[in-house]
Amino acid sequence: MRRDFAFVSETGRPAEPVAGRRKSGQEPVRPGAHRSQDKSGWYRPVSLAVDALGIALPVASVFHQAGQPHTAAATATATLAWLAVRAAHRRYGRRWLGETRGVLTTLRDWLTLLGLLAVLRVLTGENSPPAVALLALLPAPALTTVCRSLTHRHLTNQRREAHAVRRALVVGEGGAVDRVVEQLASRTDHPYVVIGAVPVGPTPNRSGVPETGGLEADPEGPDGGGTDGAAVVSAARLHGAETVLVACGSLLSGARLRALTWAVQDAGLPLVVASGLADVALRRVRPSTAAGLHLLHVDPPVRRGPQVVLKAALDRIGAALGLVLLAPVFGIVAAAIRLDSVGPALYRQTRIGHRGAPFTMWKFRSMAVDAERLRPQLAAANEVDGPLFKMRADPRVTRVGRVLRRTSLDELPQLWNVLRGEMSLVGPRPPLPEEVAAYGPTALRRLLVKPGLTGPWQVSGRSDLSWDESLALDLRYADNWSLTGDLDLLARTVRAVVDGRGAY
């Protein structure tokens, strides 16, 4: 999903968006507006109410049913402690509301609550059975997570419609402005919408962002003679910008950047500096300083160590449980395939796995038995770019096969591959050998992790994605994967399967 940027022309009339498609009926950004639509005001009161009621009602009910004394005091203490823990961690701050689903942060808050209540229990001599107290506290993190997921989904939908965003003025050399605009336009899970640019040097930007003023390539004096800040502040006021985003380069750094920062912040505008790093998870970046230089340490991707061992163990345990619990489903699907068309129920195919190692991948057969022979005849009907082959109405797919693909049931036999250690529960899509043969050095990086039964492609549109979009998702996963990220993708897979978007 791309951000629908509505730019403002030099004359003040709305210009055509260049970094995304405008939705039908969407209003352009008004020139001269001083404030974009903010986040919904109901986020904080609803979050507070859900957190309070989500712990007060269960504690009161469980303690009352168990015949425990001091029910009112226990309820009030637990409720206030829960809200205090959440507030201390800034969960109700406007900056963070709706920005994440907060599954793991909520769990950490809940564990902190348990520790705090355990201390209070010792200090006050409260003697309710631990099992009763734990049961009373269990609903709180679940309800909080549901609430945060709903607000996050609402905010995401708002930003897809260019609401709840901040109008950003980009300052930088032409190429740097282009890169920032393209990166921001490629996704909608952020609050920035570009409304103008102030170029540095003679090279204009090519993104179509309207330019206002400009900064000299080689100004007089270390701070540009005081003109840089005045030009940027003037452009920001002209466009009604709420944030100045600086794309640093050789012409804008050091003392000049410092002077610009002073001018912009003295004018009451927030200033953000783009580091140039792309697709690097925030947890891998650590700031430091040396001799007055501000440095960013980028940790390498996790390729070995306890997390990798734990991931492999969880993969095999999950696959074993899945094979046992889903055995009846396997039988029903296999019978349906055999009754619908001639051929075996299972289909095996050579795929390329971790670090280029080939393996035999298993699936439920969803196509006619001569599907591979017919593929060259359908090459002209391929609907995706790159080395992939996809057709929305592929004539080789059987009637039962369409249902299997729509529900992703055809992928279930890959649990056997996960159990054997050839695949993971979460990872990039396992490619075919002919696809890998067409890979360049960049695409080969997706093979640095095991392919997965599900992954970023599964929850982001599957076959509706272009090759470049799919590759970008896989590379982002390969460099930034974590156990917590895998758990999030597994949870989102359920929704993606129910939705069925891109499954064909």
Protein backbone atom coordinates (compact mmCIF):
# COMPACT_ATOMS: atom_id res chain seq x y z
CA MET A 1 0.00 0.00 0.00
CA ARG A 2 1.42 3.38 -1.05
CA ARG A 3 0.73 6.70 0.64
CA ASP A 4 -1.49 8.97 -1.47
CA PHE A 5 0.52 12.19 -1.31
CA ALA A 6 -1.33 15.33 -2.39
CA PHE A 7 1.19 18.03 -3.20
CA VAL A 8 0.56 21.77 -3.41
CA SER A 9 1.72 23.61 -6.49
CA GLU A 10 3.73 26.84 -6.48
CA THR A 11 0.54 28.77 -7.34
CA GLY A 12 -1.31 27.35 -4.36
CA ARG A 13 -3.53 25.05 -6.46
CA PRO A 14 -3.51 21.31 -5.74
CA ALA A 15 -1.04 19.47 -7.92
CA GLU A 16 -1.38 15.91 -9.10
CA PRO A 17 0.06 13.32 -6.70
CA VAL A 18 3.24 11.74 -7.99
CA ALA A 19 4.10 9.25 -5.26
CA GLY A 20 0.95 7.19 -5.21
CA ARG A 21 -2.58 7.00 -6.60
CA ARG A 22 -5.25 9.29 -5.18
CA LYS A 23 -8.35 7.47 -3.97
CA SER A 24 -11.63 8.39 -5.53
CA GLY A 25 -13.20 11.37 -3.77
CA GLN A 26 -10.17 12.09 -1.61
CA GLU A 27 -9.73 15.78 -0.86
CA PRO A 28 -6.34 17.31 -1.61
CA VAL A 29 -4.29 18.78 1.19
CA ARG A 30 -5.36 22.42 1.60
CA PRO A 31 -2.60 24.97 1.05
CA GLY A 32 -1.91 27.11 4.07
CA ALA A 33 -3.44 24.63 6.52
CA HIS A 34 -1.64 24.90 9.84
CA ARG A 35 -2.67 21.60 11.35
CA SER A 36 -3.35 18.19 9.81
CA GLN A 37 -6.05 15.95 11.19
CA ASP A 38 -4.68 14.46 14.39
CA LYS A 39 -5.23 11.05 15.90
CA SER A 40 -8.73 10.24 17.10
CA GLY A 41 -9.41 11.72 20.49
CA TRP A 42 -11.07 8.55 21.74
CA TYR A 43 -7.84 6.53 21.82
CA ARG A 44 -6.72 7.61 25.29
CA PRO A 45 -10.10 7.49 27.15
CA VAL A 46 -10.98 4.15 25.60
CA SER A 47 -7.56 2.72 26.45
CA LEU A 48 -7.85 3.94 30.04
CA ALA A 49 -11.38 2.58 30.38
CA VAL A 50 -10.48 -0.84 28.94
CA ASP A 51 -7.40 -1.13 31.16
CA ALA A 52 -9.35 -0.13 34.28
CA LEU A 53 -12.42 -2.27 33.66
CA GLY A 54 -10.34 -5.13 32.26
CA ILE A 55 -8.72 -5.65 35.65
CA ALA A 56 -11.35 -4.28 38.06
CA LEU A 57 -14.25 -6.43 36.91
CA PRO A 58 -12.35 -9.77 36.85
CA VAL A 59 -10.69 -9.13 40.22
CA ALA A 60 -13.97 -8.14 41.86
CA SER A 61 -15.83 -11.08 40.32
CA VAL A 62 -13.22 -13.75 41.08
CA PHE A 63 -12.57 -12.54 44.63
CA HIS A 64 -16.31 -12.34 45.33
CA GLN A 65 -16.98 -15.83 43.96
CA ALA A 66 -14.05 -17.23 45.96
CA GLY A 67 -15.38 -15.62 49.14
CA GLN A 68 -12.20 -13.62 49.73
CA PRO A 69 -12.28 -10.73 52.24
CA HIS A 70 -11.39 -7.16 51.33
CA THR A 71 -12.63 -7.57 47.75
CA ALA A 72 -13.08 -3.81 47.26
CA ALA A 73 -9.59 -3.02 48.53
CA ALA A 74 -8.00 -5.72 46.34
CA THR A 75 -9.92 -4.48 43.31
CA ALA A 76 -8.89 -0.86 43.86
CA THR A 77 -5.25 -1.78 44.50
CA ALA A 78 -4.95 -3.97 41.41
CA THR A 79 -6.65 -1.39 39.19
CA LEU A 80 -4.54 1.53 40.37
CA ALA A 81 -1.35 -0.55 40.13
CA TRP A 82 -2.15 -1.61 36.56
CA LEU A 83 -2.89 1.95 35.44
CA ALA A 84 0.24 3.20 37.22
CA VAL A 85 2.47 0.64 35.51
CA ARG A 86 1.01 1.48 32.11
CA ALA A 87 1.30 5.23 32.72
CA ALA A 88 4.89 4.91 33.99
CA HIS A 89 5.79 3.20 30.71
CA ARG A 90 4.03 6.01 28.77
CA ARG A 91 1.43 3.75 27.19
CA TYR A 92 -1.13 6.57 27.27
CA GLY A 93 1.13 9.18 25.71
CA ARG A 94 -0.29 10.67 22.52
CA ARG A 95 2.96 9.90 20.73
CA TRP A 96 2.50 6.14 21.18
CA LEU A 97 -1.29 5.62 21.14
CA GLY A 98 -2.28 3.50 18.17
CA GLU A 99 1.25 3.19 16.83
CA THR A 100 1.77 -0.50 17.68
CA ARG A 101 -0.28 -3.55 18.56
CA GLY A 102 1.69 -3.73 21.80
CA VAL A 103 1.46 -7.49 22.41
CA LEU A 104 4.89 -7.87 23.98
CA THR A 105 4.91 -4.48 25.70
CA THR A 106 1.59 -5.39 27.30
CA LEU A 107 3.02 -8.70 28.46
CA ARG A 108 6.02 -6.91 30.00
CA ASP A 109 3.69 -4.47 31.74
CA TRP A 110 1.65 -7.36 33.11
CA LEU A 111 4.72 -9.14 34.46
CA THR A 112 5.75 -5.86 36.10
CA LEU A 113 2.28 -5.70 37.66
CA LEU A 114 2.66 -9.22 39.04
CA GLY A 115 5.96 -8.29 40.65
CA LEU A 116 4.54 -5.07 42.11
CA LEU A 117 1.49 -6.84 43.55
CA ALA A 118 3.72 -9.60 44.97
CA VAL A 119 5.68 -6.95 46.89
CA LEU A 120 2.47 -5.33 48.12
CA ARG A 121 1.16 -8.75 49.14
CA VAL A 122 4.20 -9.31 51.36
CA LEU A 123 4.06 -5.80 52.85
CA THR A 124 0.33 -5.89 53.63
CA GLY A 125 0.01 -9.54 54.61
CA GLU A 126 -2.71 -10.20 52.02
CA ASN A 127 -3.33 -13.96 52.02
CA SER A 128 -5.61 -14.78 49.10
CA PRO A 129 -4.67 -18.04 47.30
CA PRO A 130 -2.08 -17.29 44.56
CA ALA A 131 -4.11 -19.27 42.01
CA VAL A 132 -7.18 -17.11 42.67
CA ALA A 133 -5.19 -13.89 42.38
CA LEU A 134 -3.52 -15.02 39.14
CA LEU A 135 -6.86 -16.06 37.63
CA ALA A 136 -8.30 -12.65 38.46
CA LEU A 137 -5.41 -10.88 36.73
CA LEU A 138 -5.33 -12.99 33.55
CA PRO A 139 -7.99 -11.09 31.50
CA ALA A 140 -6.20 -7.73 31.83
CA PRO A 141 -3.37 -8.23 29.28
CA ALA A 142 -5.71 -9.93 26.82
CA LEU A 143 -8.25 -7.08 26.85
CA THR A 144 -5.51 -4.45 26.70
CA THR A 145 -3.96 -6.17 23.68
CA VAL A 146 -7.32 -6.34 21.89
CA CYS A 147 -7.90 -2.64 22.54
CA ARG A 148 -4.45 -1.67 21.28
CA SER A 149 -4.87 -3.83 18.19
CA LEU A 150 -8.17 -2.11 17.38
CA THR A 151 -6.72 1.39 17.80
CA HIS A 152 -3.69 0.41 15.73
CA ARG A 153 -5.92 -0.94 12.96
CA HIS A 154 -8.06 2.20 13.05
CA LEU A 155 -5.00 4.46 12.88
CA THR A 156 -3.56 2.42 10.00
CA ASN A 157 -6.81 2.77 8.05
CA GLN A 158 -6.87 6.50 8.79
CA ARG A 159 -3.37 6.94 7.40
CA ARG A 160 -4.23 5.01 4.27
CA GLU A 161 -6.74 7.78 3.62
CA ALA A 162 -4.08 10.46 4.41
CA HIS A 163 -5.66 11.33 7.77
CA ALA A 164 -3.85 11.55 11.14
CA VAL A 165 -0.63 12.55 9.36
CA ARG A 166 1.90 15.36 9.78
CA ARG A 167 2.70 17.71 6.90
CA ALA A 168 6.45 17.47 6.30
CA LEU A 169 8.77 19.87 4.46
CA VAL A 170 11.86 18.04 3.18
CA VAL A 171 15.20 19.89 3.03
CA GLY A 172 18.13 18.38 1.15
CA GLU A 173 19.94 17.82 -2.13
CA GLY A 174 17.82 16.69 -5.06
CA GLY A 175 18.75 13.01 -4.95
CA ALA A 176 18.37 12.83 -1.17
CA VAL A 177 14.90 14.41 -1.37
CA ASP A 178 13.92 11.86 -4.01
CA ARG A 179 15.01 8.96 -1.81
CA VAL A 180 13.14 10.27 1.23
CA VAL A 181 9.95 10.90 -0.73
CA GLU A 182 10.05 7.48 -2.39
CA GLN A 183 10.67 5.73 0.92
CA LEU A 184 7.82 7.54 2.65
CA ALA A 185 5.51 6.96 -0.30
CA SER A 186 6.14 3.21 -0.32
CA ARG A 187 4.31 2.62 2.99
CA THR A 188 1.46 4.06 5.04
CA ASP A 189 2.43 2.92 8.55
CA HIS A 190 3.98 6.29 9.43
CA PRO A 191 2.64 9.79 10.13
CA TYR A 192 4.45 11.83 7.47
CA VAL A 193 3.02 13.29 4.26
CA VAL A 194 5.39 15.39 2.15
CA ILE A 195 3.94 18.74 1.08
CA GLY A 196 7.03 20.51 -0.25
CA ALA A 197 10.81 20.64 -0.47
CA VAL A 198 13.62 23.15 -0.09
CA PRO A 199 16.46 22.09 -2.41
CA VAL A 200 20.11 22.41 -1.40
CA GLY A 201 22.39 23.15 -4.32
CA PRO A 202 21.57 23.40 -8.03
CA THR A 203 20.16 19.88 -8.55
CA PRO A 204 16.33 19.81 -8.38
CA ASN A 205 14.38 16.84 -7.11
CA ARG A 206 12.66 14.55 -9.60
CA SER A 207 9.88 13.28 -7.36
CA GLY A 208 7.47 16.04 -8.32
CA VAL A 209 7.41 17.63 -4.87
CA PRO A 210 6.90 21.39 -5.25
CA GLU A 211 10.03 23.34 -4.39
CA THR A 212 10.04 26.61 -2.50
CA GLY A 213 13.13 28.77 -2.28
CA GLY A 214 16.46 27.03 -2.10
CA LEU A 215 19.75 26.91 -0.22
CA GLU A 216 23.11 27.69 -1.80
CA ALA A 217 25.54 24.84 -2.40
CA ASP A 218 28.42 26.83 -0.91
CA PRO A 219 27.06 29.52 1.42
CA GLU A 220 29.09 32.31 2.94
CA GLY A 221 30.22 31.47 6.46
CA PRO A 222 29.80 28.24 8.41
CA ASP A 223 26.08 28.74 8.99
CA GLY A 224 25.09 29.94 5.57
CA GLY A 225 25.16 33.58 6.58
CA GLY A 226 22.00 33.07 8.56
CA THR A 227 19.95 32.66 5.37
CA ASP A 228 19.37 28.89 5.54
CA GLY A 229 17.10 29.03 8.55
CA ALA A 230 15.09 32.00 7.26
CA ALA A 231 14.50 30.28 3.89
CA VAL A 232 13.37 27.01 5.47
CA VAL A 233 11.10 28.66 8.05
CA SER A 234 9.54 30.82 5.32
CA ALA A 235 8.87 27.75 3.15
CA ALA A 236 7.41 25.86 6.12
CA ARG A 237 5.00 28.71 6.87
CA LEU A 238 4.02 28.99 3.22
CA HIS A 239 3.06 25.32 3.04
CA GLY A 240 1.66 25.05 6.55
CA ALA A 241 4.27 22.40 7.38
CA GLU A 242 4.19 20.82 10.83
CA THR A 243 7.61 19.15 10.63
CA VAL A 244 10.89 19.89 8.87
CA LEU A 245 12.60 16.71 7.67
CA VAL A 246 16.27 17.15 6.79
CA ALA A 247 17.93 14.72 4.38
CA CYS A 248 21.61 15.20 5.18
CA GLY A 249 24.26 15.20 2.49
CA SER A 250 27.65 16.61 1.64
CA LEU A 251 26.18 20.10 1.21
CA LEU A 252 24.21 20.09 4.45
CA SER A 253 26.07 18.84 7.50
CA GLY A 254 28.09 19.93 10.51
CA ALA A 255 27.83 23.55 11.62
CA ARG A 256 25.43 24.38 8.80
CA LEU A 257 22.99 21.72 9.95
CA ARG A 258 23.35 22.90 13.55
CA ALA A 259 22.49 26.49 12.58
CA LEU A 260 19.49 25.26 10.59
CA THR A 261 18.33 23.23 13.58
CA TRP A 262 18.48 26.31 15.81
CA ALA A 263 16.47 28.42 13.37
CA VAL A 264 13.76 25.82 12.79
CA GLN A 265 13.32 24.95 16.45
CA ASP A 266 13.37 28.62 17.51
CA ALA A 267 10.44 29.06 15.10
CA GLY A 268 8.52 26.40 17.05
CA LEU A 269 8.77 23.63 14.45
CA PRO A 270 9.88 20.04 15.13
CA LEU A 271 12.93 18.94 13.16
CA VAL A 272 13.66 15.37 12.07
CA VAL A 273 16.92 14.18 10.46
CA ALA A 274 16.87 11.25 8.02
CA SER A 275 19.92 9.08 8.68
CA GLY A 276 19.90 7.40 5.27
CA LEU A 277 19.49 3.94 6.79
CA ALA A 278 16.66 1.96 5.21
CA ASP A 279 14.91 -1.22 6.36
CA VAL A 280 16.95 -1.51 9.56
CA ALA A 281 14.90 -2.35 12.66
CA LEU A 282 15.15 0.26 15.38
CA ARG A 283 16.37 -2.33 17.91
CA ARG A 284 19.50 -2.82 15.78
CA VAL A 285 20.46 0.87 15.99
CA ARG A 286 22.29 2.31 19.01
CA PRO A 287 23.28 6.00 19.22
CA SER A 288 26.59 7.10 20.75
CA THR A 289 28.92 10.06 20.66
CA ALA A 290 32.66 10.40 20.05
CA ALA A 291 34.62 13.66 19.93
CA GLY A 292 31.38 15.56 19.42
CA LEU A 293 30.23 13.31 16.57
CA HIS A 294 26.86 11.63 16.89
CA LEU A 295 27.25 8.02 15.74
CA LEU A 296 24.75 5.27 14.97
CA HIS A 297 25.91 1.72 15.65
CA VAL A 298 24.07 -0.80 13.48
CA ASP A 299 24.04 -4.30 14.96
CA PRO A 300 24.34 -7.18 12.46
CA PRO A 301 21.34 -9.38 11.68
CA VAL A 302 20.83 -12.35 14.00
CA ARG A 303 22.25 -15.39 12.20
CA ARG A 304 23.36 -17.56 15.15
CA GLY A 305 23.03 -17.75 18.90
CA PRO A 306 20.28 -18.56 21.43
CA GLN A 307 17.49 -16.92 19.40
CA VAL A 308 18.25 -19.08 16.36
CA VAL A 309 18.36 -22.24 18.50
CA LEU A 310 15.10 -21.34 20.22
CA LYS A 311 13.45 -20.57 16.87
CA ALA A 312 14.46 -23.99 15.53
CA ALA A 313 13.13 -25.72 18.66
CA LEU A 314 9.83 -23.86 18.52
CA ASP A 315 9.53 -24.63 14.81
CA ARG A 316 9.85 -28.37 15.34
CA ILE A 317 7.60 -28.44 18.41
CA GLY A 318 4.96 -26.39 16.60
CA ALA A 319 5.19 -28.55 13.48
CA ALA A 320 4.88 -31.78 15.47
CA LEU A 321 1.81 -30.49 17.32
CA GLY A 322 0.30 -29.26 14.07
CA LEU A 323 0.75 -32.60 12.33
CA VAL A 324 -0.92 -34.43 15.23
CA LEU A 325 -3.81 -32.01 15.75
CA LEU A 326 -4.51 -31.53 12.04
CA ALA A 327 -4.36 -35.23 11.11
CA PRO A 328 -8.18 -35.40 10.58
CA VAL A 329 -8.03 -32.33 8.33
CA PHE A 330 -5.26 -33.96 6.28
CA GLY A 331 -7.46 -37.00 5.72
CA ILE A 332 -10.50 -34.98 4.65
CA VAL A 333 -8.49 -32.78 2.27
CA ALA A 334 -6.71 -35.78 0.73
CA ALA A 335 -10.03 -37.55 0.11
CA ALA A 336 -11.53 -34.43 -1.49
CA ILE A 337 -8.56 -34.08 -3.85
CA ARG A 338 -8.74 -37.72 -4.98
CA LEU A 339 -12.49 -37.48 -5.58
CA ASP A 340 -12.21 -34.24 -7.54
CA SER A 341 -9.45 -35.12 -10.02
CA VAL A 342 -7.14 -37.88 -11.16
CA GLY A 343 -3.77 -38.04 -9.45
CA PRO A 344 -2.15 -38.21 -6.01
CA ALA A 345 -3.33 -36.04 -3.12
CA LEU A 346 0.16 -34.83 -2.30
CA TYR A 347 2.47 -32.93 -4.62
CA ARG A 348 6.22 -32.60 -4.15
CA GLN A 349 8.48 -30.07 -5.75
CA THR A 350 12.15 -29.10 -5.50
CA ARG A 351 12.62 -25.75 -3.80
CA ILE A 352 15.66 -23.79 -2.66
CA GLY A 353 16.13 -23.40 1.06
CA HIS A 354 18.56 -21.96 3.59
CA ARG A 355 21.78 -20.72 1.95
CA GLY A 356 20.81 -22.21 -1.41
CA ALA A 357 20.34 -25.84 -0.29
CA PRO A 358 17.68 -27.63 -2.40
CA PHE A 359 14.98 -29.68 -0.68
CA THR A 360 11.76 -31.45 -1.55
CA MET A 361 8.73 -29.40 -0.50
CA TRP A 362 5.34 -31.05 0.07
CA LYS A 363 1.93 -29.56 -0.70
CA PHE A 364 -1.59 -30.77 -1.27
CA ARG A 365 -2.07 -30.98 -5.02
CA SER A 366 -4.18 -28.06 -6.24
CA MET A 367 -3.49 -28.40 -9.98
CA ALA A 368 -3.93 -31.00 -12.68
CA VAL A 369 -1.20 -33.64 -12.78
CA ASP A 370 0.26 -32.22 -16.03
CA ALA A 371 0.49 -28.66 -14.69
CA GLU A 372 4.26 -28.36 -15.16
CA ARG A 373 4.03 -29.48 -18.77
CA LEU A 374 1.40 -26.82 -19.52
CA ARG A 375 3.24 -23.93 -17.88
CA PRO A 376 5.33 -22.88 -20.94
CA GLN A 377 2.08 -22.46 -22.90
CA LEU A 378 0.80 -19.99 -20.32
CA ALA A 379 3.99 -17.92 -20.00
CA ALA A 380 2.47 -15.01 -21.95
CA ALA A 381 -0.42 -14.81 -19.46
CA ASN A 382 1.85 -14.29 -16.43
CA GLU A 383 0.36 -11.50 -14.28
CA VAL A 384 3.40 -10.67 -12.14
CA ASP A 385 6.82 -9.29 -12.94
CA GLY A 386 10.21 -10.71 -12.03
CA PRO A 387 11.00 -14.43 -11.95
CA LEU A 388 7.62 -15.41 -10.43
CA PHE A 389 4.70 -16.94 -12.35
CA LYS A 390 1.14 -16.24 -11.18
CA MET A 391 -2.27 -16.21 -12.88
CA ARG A 392 -5.46 -15.15 -11.16
CA ALA A 393 -7.52 -17.59 -13.27
CA ASP A 394 -4.97 -20.35 -13.89
CA PRO A 395 -6.74 -23.07 -15.93
CA ARG A 396 -4.51 -25.76 -14.37
CA VAL A 397 -6.04 -25.28 -10.91
CA THR A 398 -8.74 -27.82 -10.00
CA ARG A 399 -12.09 -27.02 -8.33
CA VAL A 400 -10.92 -28.30 -4.96
CA GLY A 401 -7.56 -26.67 -5.59
CA ARG A 402 -9.16 -23.22 -5.73
CA VAL A 403 -10.70 -23.79 -2.30
CA LEU A 404 -7.38 -25.06 -0.93
CA ARG A 405 -5.52 -22.02 -2.23
CA ARG A 406 -8.18 -19.61 -0.98
CA THR A 407 -7.90 -21.10 2.53
CA SER A 408 -4.15 -21.89 2.34
CA LEU A 409 -4.88 -25.51 3.24
CA ASP A 410 -2.65 -26.62 0.38
CA GLU A 411 0.36 -25.43 2.40
CA LEU A 412 -0.26 -27.62 5.47
CA PRO A 413 1.93 -30.59 4.38
CA GLN A 414 4.92 -28.22 4.67
CA LEU A 415 4.68 -28.85 8.41
CA TRP A 416 6.63 -32.01 7.57
CA ASN A 417 9.37 -29.85 6.01
CA VAL A 418 9.40 -27.71 9.15
CA LEU A 419 9.70 -30.82 11.32
CA ARG A 420 12.65 -32.00 9.23
CA GLY A 421 14.38 -28.62 9.68
CA GLU A 422 14.21 -27.69 5.97
CA MET A 423 11.73 -24.88 6.58
CA SER A 424 10.57 -22.66 9.41
CA LEU A 425 7.08 -21.76 10.56
CA VAL A 426 7.89 -18.15 9.58
CA GLY A 427 10.18 -17.01 6.80
CA PRO A 428 10.34 -15.91 3.15
CA ARG A 429 8.50 -17.84 0.44
CA PRO A 430 10.53 -20.90 -0.70
CA PRO A 431 11.62 -20.18 -4.29
CA LEU A 432 11.93 -22.52 -7.26
CA PRO A 433 15.41 -23.32 -8.66
CA GLU A 434 14.68 -21.43 -11.90
CA GLU A 435 13.67 -18.38 -9.86
CA VAL A 436 16.92 -18.46 -7.88
CA ALA A 437 18.89 -18.80 -11.13
CA ALA A 438 17.55 -15.36 -12.10
CA TYR A 439 18.42 -13.75 -8.74
CA GLY A 440 20.95 -10.97 -8.46
CA PRO A 441 23.21 -10.43 -5.43
CA THR A 442 20.48 -8.48 -3.60
CA ALA A 443 17.78 -11.11 -4.06
CA LEU A 444 20.15 -13.87 -2.91
CA ARG A 445 20.11 -12.33 0.59
CA ARG A 446 16.61 -13.70 1.12
CA LEU A 447 18.18 -17.16 1.25
CA LEU A 448 20.16 -16.29 4.40
CA VAL A 449 17.20 -17.46 6.50
CA LYS A 450 15.07 -20.58 6.20
CA PRO A 451 11.96 -20.30 4.02
CA GLY A 452 8.71 -20.31 5.92
CA LEU A 453 5.27 -21.83 5.97
CA THR A 454 4.05 -18.26 6.40
CA GLY A 455 5.82 -14.94 6.32
CA PRO A 456 5.62 -11.27 5.42
CA TRP A 457 4.27 -12.05 1.93
CA GLN A 458 1.42 -14.11 3.45
CA VAL A 459 0.11 -11.21 5.54
CA SER A 460 0.77 -8.43 3.01
CA GLY A 461 -1.17 -9.47 -0.06
CA ARG A 462 0.51 -12.65 -1.33
CA SER A 463 0.08 -12.90 -5.10
CA ASP A 464 -1.20 -9.32 -5.35
CA LEU A 465 2.33 -8.13 -4.56
CA SER A 466 4.77 -7.22 -7.32
CA TRP A 467 8.16 -8.92 -7.41
CA ASP A 468 9.88 -5.80 -6.05
CA GLU A 469 7.38 -5.50 -3.19
CA SER A 470 7.71 -9.18 -2.33
CA LEU A 471 11.51 -9.01 -2.44
CA ALA A 472 11.57 -5.90 -0.23
CA LEU A 473 9.42 -7.66 2.38
CA ASP A 474 11.64 -10.75 2.34
CA LEU A 475 14.86 -8.75 2.63
CA ARG A 476 13.42 -6.72 5.50
CA TYR A 477 12.49 -9.95 7.26
CA ALA A 478 15.85 -11.62 6.60
CA ASP A 479 17.79 -8.70 8.09
CA ASN A 480 15.47 -7.88 11.01
CA TRP A 481 13.78 -11.12 12.06
CA SER A 482 13.18 -11.78 15.73
CA LEU A 483 11.15 -14.24 17.78
CA THR A 484 8.70 -11.52 18.72
CA GLY A 485 8.32 -10.55 15.07
CA ASP A 486 7.66 -14.19 14.17
CA LEU A 487 4.91 -14.40 16.79
CA ASP A 488 3.34 -11.25 15.35
CA LEU A 489 3.42 -12.67 11.82
CA LEU A 490 1.86 -15.94 13.00
CA ALA A 491 -0.98 -14.01 14.64
CA ARG A 492 -1.54 -11.88 11.52
CA THR A 493 -1.53 -14.99 9.31
CA VAL A 494 -4.87 -16.07 10.77
CA ARG A 495 -6.47 -12.83 9.62
CA ALA A 496 -4.78 -13.07 6.20
CA VAL A 497 -6.10 -16.60 5.66
CA VAL A 498 -9.63 -15.55 6.63
CA ASP A 499 -9.40 -12.49 4.38
CA GLY A 500 -8.02 -14.51 1.46
CA ARG A 501 -6.68 -11.42 -0.34
CA GLY A 502 -4.13 -12.34 -2.97
CA ALA A 503 -4.68 -16.10 -2.61
CA TYR A 504 -5.03 -17.69 -6.06
